[in-house]
Amino acid sequence: MDATTRHEFRVLLQAQRDELLAGVGASERLLDAIREARADTPADDEHDPEGGTMSAEWSRAEGLLEGVQRELAELDAALARLGDGTYGVCTGCGSAIPLERLRVRPAAQECVACASAPSRARR
């Protein structure tokens, strides 16, 4: 991978990372708001006739935050691979990951064949 292409992917990965960091902040603010609301309401919100429960909202917000944190870890790992020269090399077979795939999924660690291999579905 030449210097221009490495720069392209560094910019792409960093932009996605910055966007996700904003998502972490939004998720954390949502969790804080739910914590505050829970402190102001009775402990039993499971039978609220008005709709969804705070427990359900809490669970949803936690899931969103976990997903964003997982994506951040994937982007950080991709940036580390970019730094050590292994970015764009499939961790499954060692072949080059096509640039088109990396442009769609910049944090991809595997080529399409390895990512879609039947043994991967069992992991």
C-alpha atoms as a PDB file:
ATOM      1  CA  MET A   1       0.000   0.000   0.000  1.00  0.00           C
ATOM      2  CA  ASP A   2       1.539   3.284  -1.078  1.00  0.00           C
ATOM      3  CA  ALA A   3       1.751   6.438   1.050  1.00  0.00           C
ATOM      4  CA  THR A   4      -1.197   8.133  -0.686  1.00  0.00           C
ATOM      5  CA  THR A   5      -3.458   5.147  -0.093  1.00  0.00           C
ATOM      6  CA  ARG A   6      -2.310   4.842   3.551  1.00  0.00           C
ATOM      7  CA  HIS A   7      -3.133   8.521   4.028  1.00  0.00           C
ATOM      8  CA  GLU A   8      -6.564   8.034   2.432  1.00  0.00           C
ATOM      9  CA  PHE A   9      -7.370   5.250   4.896  1.00  0.00           C
ATOM     10  CA  ARG A  10      -5.924   7.078   7.892  1.00  0.00           C
ATOM     11  CA  VAL A  11      -8.248  10.011   7.118  1.00  0.00           C
ATOM     12  CA  LEU A  12     -11.221   7.668   6.566  1.00  0.00           C
ATOM     13  CA  LEU A  13     -10.604   5.689   9.769  1.00  0.00           C
ATOM     14  CA  GLN A  14     -10.064   8.830  11.831  1.00  0.00           C
ATOM     15  CA  ALA A  15     -13.239  10.444  10.467  1.00  0.00           C
ATOM     16  CA  GLN A  16     -15.271   7.363  11.373  1.00  0.00           C
ATOM     17  CA  ARG A  17     -13.620   7.280  14.803  1.00  0.00           C
ATOM     18  CA  ASP A  18     -14.457  10.952  15.433  1.00  0.00           C
ATOM     19  CA  GLU A  19     -18.067  10.316  14.419  1.00  0.00           C
ATOM     20  CA  LEU A  20     -18.302   7.356  16.783  1.00  0.00           C
ATOM     21  CA  LEU A  21     -16.794   9.343  19.645  1.00  0.00           C
ATOM     22  CA  ALA A  22     -19.654  11.809  19.237  1.00  0.00           C
ATOM     23  CA  GLY A  23     -21.995   8.814  19.442  1.00  0.00           C
ATOM     24  CA  VAL A  24     -20.381   7.700  22.688  1.00  0.00           C
ATOM     25  CA  GLY A  25     -21.027  11.134  24.140  1.00  0.00           C
ATOM     26  CA  ALA A  26     -24.653  11.064  23.035  1.00  0.00           C
ATOM     27  CA  SER A  27     -25.154   7.555  24.462  1.00  0.00           C
ATOM     28  CA  GLU A  28     -23.566   8.542  27.754  1.00  0.00           C
ATOM     29  CA  ARG A  29     -25.803  11.625  27.973  1.00  0.00           C
ATOM     30  CA  LEU A  30     -28.845   9.436  27.289  1.00  0.00           C
ATOM     31  CA  LEU A  31     -27.817   7.045  30.075  1.00  0.00           C
ATOM     32  CA  ASP A  32     -27.300   9.988  32.437  1.00  0.00           C
ATOM     33  CA  ALA A  33     -30.782  11.283  31.603  1.00  0.00           C
ATOM     34  CA  ILE A  34     -32.284   7.861  32.269  1.00  0.00           C
ATOM     35  CA  ARG A  35     -30.407   7.639  35.588  1.00  0.00           C
ATOM     36  CA  GLU A  36     -31.803  11.019  36.611  1.00  0.00           C
ATOM     37  CA  ALA A  37     -35.324  10.075  35.547  1.00  0.00           C
ATOM     38  CA  ARG A  38     -35.098   6.777  37.426  1.00  0.00           C
ATOM     39  CA  ALA A  39     -34.082   8.630  40.566  1.00  0.00           C
ATOM     40  CA  ASP A  40     -37.245  10.744  40.324  1.00  0.00           C
ATOM     41  CA  THR A  41     -39.729   7.908  39.755  1.00  0.00           C
ATOM     42  CA  PRO A  42     -40.938   4.899  41.711  1.00  0.00           C
ATOM     43  CA  ALA A  43     -38.749   1.815  41.476  1.00  0.00           C
ATOM     44  CA  ASP A  44     -41.504  -0.217  39.787  1.00  0.00           C
ATOM     45  CA  ASP A  45     -41.912   1.163  36.277  1.00  0.00           C
ATOM     46  CA  GLU A  46     -42.673  -2.230  34.767  1.00  0.00           C
ATOM     47  CA  HIS A  47     -46.434  -1.693  34.992  1.00  0.00           C
ATOM     48  CA  ASP A  48     -46.574   1.805  33.562  1.00  0.00           C
ATOM     49  CA  PRO A  49     -49.630   2.035  31.281  1.00  0.00           C
ATOM     50  CA  GLU A  50     -48.060   4.976  29.439  1.00  0.00           C
ATOM     51  CA  GLY A  51     -45.731   2.823  27.376  1.00  0.00           C
ATOM     52  CA  GLY A  52     -42.135   1.672  27.511  1.00  0.00           C
ATOM     53  CA  THR A  53     -40.345   1.233  30.777  1.00  0.00           C
ATOM     54  CA  MET A  54     -37.213   2.968  31.934  1.00  0.00           C
ATOM     55  CA  SER A  55     -35.645  -0.469  32.240  1.00  0.00           C
ATOM     56  CA  ALA A  56     -36.257  -1.037  28.531  1.00  0.00           C
ATOM     57  CA  GLU A  57     -34.835   2.394  27.689  1.00  0.00           C
ATOM     58  CA  TRP A  58     -31.819   1.710  29.898  1.00  0.00           C
ATOM     59  CA  SER A  59     -31.223  -1.612  28.173  1.00  0.00           C
ATOM     60  CA  ARG A  60     -31.523  -0.032  24.727  1.00  0.00           C
ATOM     61  CA  ALA A  61     -29.125   2.791  25.619  1.00  0.00           C
ATOM     62  CA  GLU A  62     -26.611   0.332  27.106  1.00  0.00           C
ATOM     63  CA  GLY A  63     -26.777  -1.754  23.924  1.00  0.00           C
ATOM     64  CA  LEU A  64     -26.165   1.297  21.752  1.00  0.00           C
ATOM     65  CA  LEU A  65     -23.189   2.337  23.856  1.00  0.00           C
ATOM     66  CA  GLU A  66     -21.691  -1.164  23.761  1.00  0.00           C
ATOM     67  CA  GLY A  67     -22.075  -1.257  19.978  1.00  0.00           C
ATOM     68  CA  VAL A  68     -20.333   2.087  19.558  1.00  0.00           C
ATOM     69  CA  GLN A  69     -17.526   1.020  21.892  1.00  0.00           C
ATOM     70  CA  ARG A  70     -17.061  -2.209  19.910  1.00  0.00           C
ATOM     71  CA  GLU A  71     -16.851  -0.245  16.648  1.00  0.00           C
ATOM     72  CA  LEU A  72     -14.331   2.143  18.228  1.00  0.00           C
ATOM     73  CA  ALA A  73     -12.166  -0.801  19.241  1.00  0.00           C
ATOM     74  CA  GLU A  74     -12.308  -2.127  15.664  1.00  0.00           C
ATOM     75  CA  LEU A  75     -11.285   1.269  14.274  1.00  0.00           C
ATOM     76  CA  ASP A  76      -8.477   1.601  16.823  1.00  0.00           C
ATOM     77  CA  ALA A  77      -7.218  -1.857  15.829  1.00  0.00           C
ATOM     78  CA  ALA A  78      -7.346  -0.843  12.148  1.00  0.00           C
ATOM     79  CA  LEU A  79      -5.382   2.332  12.895  1.00  0.00           C
ATOM     80  CA  ALA A  80      -2.804   0.225  14.752  1.00  0.00           C
ATOM     81  CA  ARG A  81      -2.534  -2.109  11.748  1.00  0.00           C
ATOM     82  CA  LEU A  82      -2.113   0.912   9.503  1.00  0.00           C
ATOM     83  CA  GLY A  83       0.720   2.081  11.751  1.00  0.00           C
ATOM     84  CA  ASP A  84       2.529  -1.266  11.828  1.00  0.00           C
ATOM     85  CA  GLY A  85       2.129  -1.967   8.105  1.00  0.00           C
ATOM     86  CA  THR A  86      -0.344  -4.865   8.335  1.00  0.00           C
ATOM     87  CA  TYR A  87      -3.444  -2.881   7.338  1.00  0.00           C
ATOM     88  CA  GLY A  88      -5.119  -4.353   4.287  1.00  0.00           C
ATOM     89  CA  VAL A  89      -3.681  -7.831   4.861  1.00  0.00           C
ATOM     90  CA  CYS A  90      -6.267 -10.532   5.557  1.00  0.00           C
ATOM     91  CA  THR A  91      -5.824 -12.083   8.999  1.00  0.00           C
ATOM     92  CA  GLY A  92      -7.363 -15.303   7.681  1.00  0.00           C
ATOM     93  CA  CYS A  93      -5.322 -16.086   4.592  1.00  0.00           C
ATOM     94  CA  GLY A  94      -2.653 -13.379   4.450  1.00  0.00           C
ATOM     95  CA  SER A  95      -3.687 -12.042   1.050  1.00  0.00           C
ATOM     96  CA  ALA A  96      -4.356  -8.404   0.296  1.00  0.00           C
ATOM     97  CA  ILE A  97      -7.849  -7.172   1.106  1.00  0.00           C
ATOM     98  CA  PRO A  98      -9.214  -5.373  -1.986  1.00  0.00           C
ATOM     99  CA  LEU A  99      -9.188  -1.593  -1.635  1.00  0.00           C
ATOM    100  CA  GLU A 100     -12.865  -1.495  -2.629  1.00  0.00           C
ATOM    101  CA  ARG A 101     -13.720  -3.627   0.430  1.00  0.00           C
ATOM    102  CA  LEU A 102     -11.616  -1.421   2.690  1.00  0.00           C
ATOM    103  CA  ARG A 103     -13.327   1.689   1.362  1.00  0.00           C
ATOM    104  CA  VAL A 104     -16.706   0.173   2.309  1.00  0.00           C
ATOM    105  CA  ARG A 105     -15.513  -1.420   5.588  1.00  0.00           C
ATOM    106  CA  PRO A 106     -12.316   0.399   6.590  1.00  0.00           C
ATOM    107  CA  ALA A 107     -11.910  -1.696   9.755  1.00  0.00           C
ATOM    108  CA  ALA A 108     -12.140  -4.997   7.840  1.00  0.00           C
ATOM    109  CA  GLN A 109      -9.577  -7.557   8.967  1.00  0.00           C
ATOM    110  CA  GLU A 110     -10.458 -10.243   6.448  1.00  0.00           C
ATOM    111  CA  CYS A 111     -11.018 -10.543   2.736  1.00  0.00           C
ATOM    112  CA  VAL A 112     -14.556 -11.381   1.608  1.00  0.00           C
ATOM    113  CA  ALA A 113     -13.752 -15.086   1.151  1.00  0.00           C
ATOM    114  CA  CYS A 114     -12.401 -15.484   4.694  1.00  0.00           C
ATOM    115  CA  ALA A 115     -15.114 -13.303   6.258  1.00  0.00           C
ATOM    116  CA  SER A 116     -17.842 -15.371   4.632  1.00  0.00           C
ATOM    117  CA  ALA A 117     -16.235 -18.800   5.125  1.00  0.00           C
ATOM    118  CA  PRO A 118     -18.550 -21.373   6.782  1.00  0.00           C
ATOM    119  CA  SER A 119     -16.138 -21.828   9.702  1.00  0.00           C
ATOM    120  CA  ARG A 120     -16.528 -18.116  10.527  1.00  0.00           C
ATOM    121  CA  ALA A 121     -20.281 -18.566  11.119  1.00  0.00           C
ATOM    122  CA  ARG A 122     -19.524 -21.039  13.933  1.00  0.00           C
ATOM    123  CA  ARG A 123     -17.199 -18.676  15.846  1.00  0.00           C
END
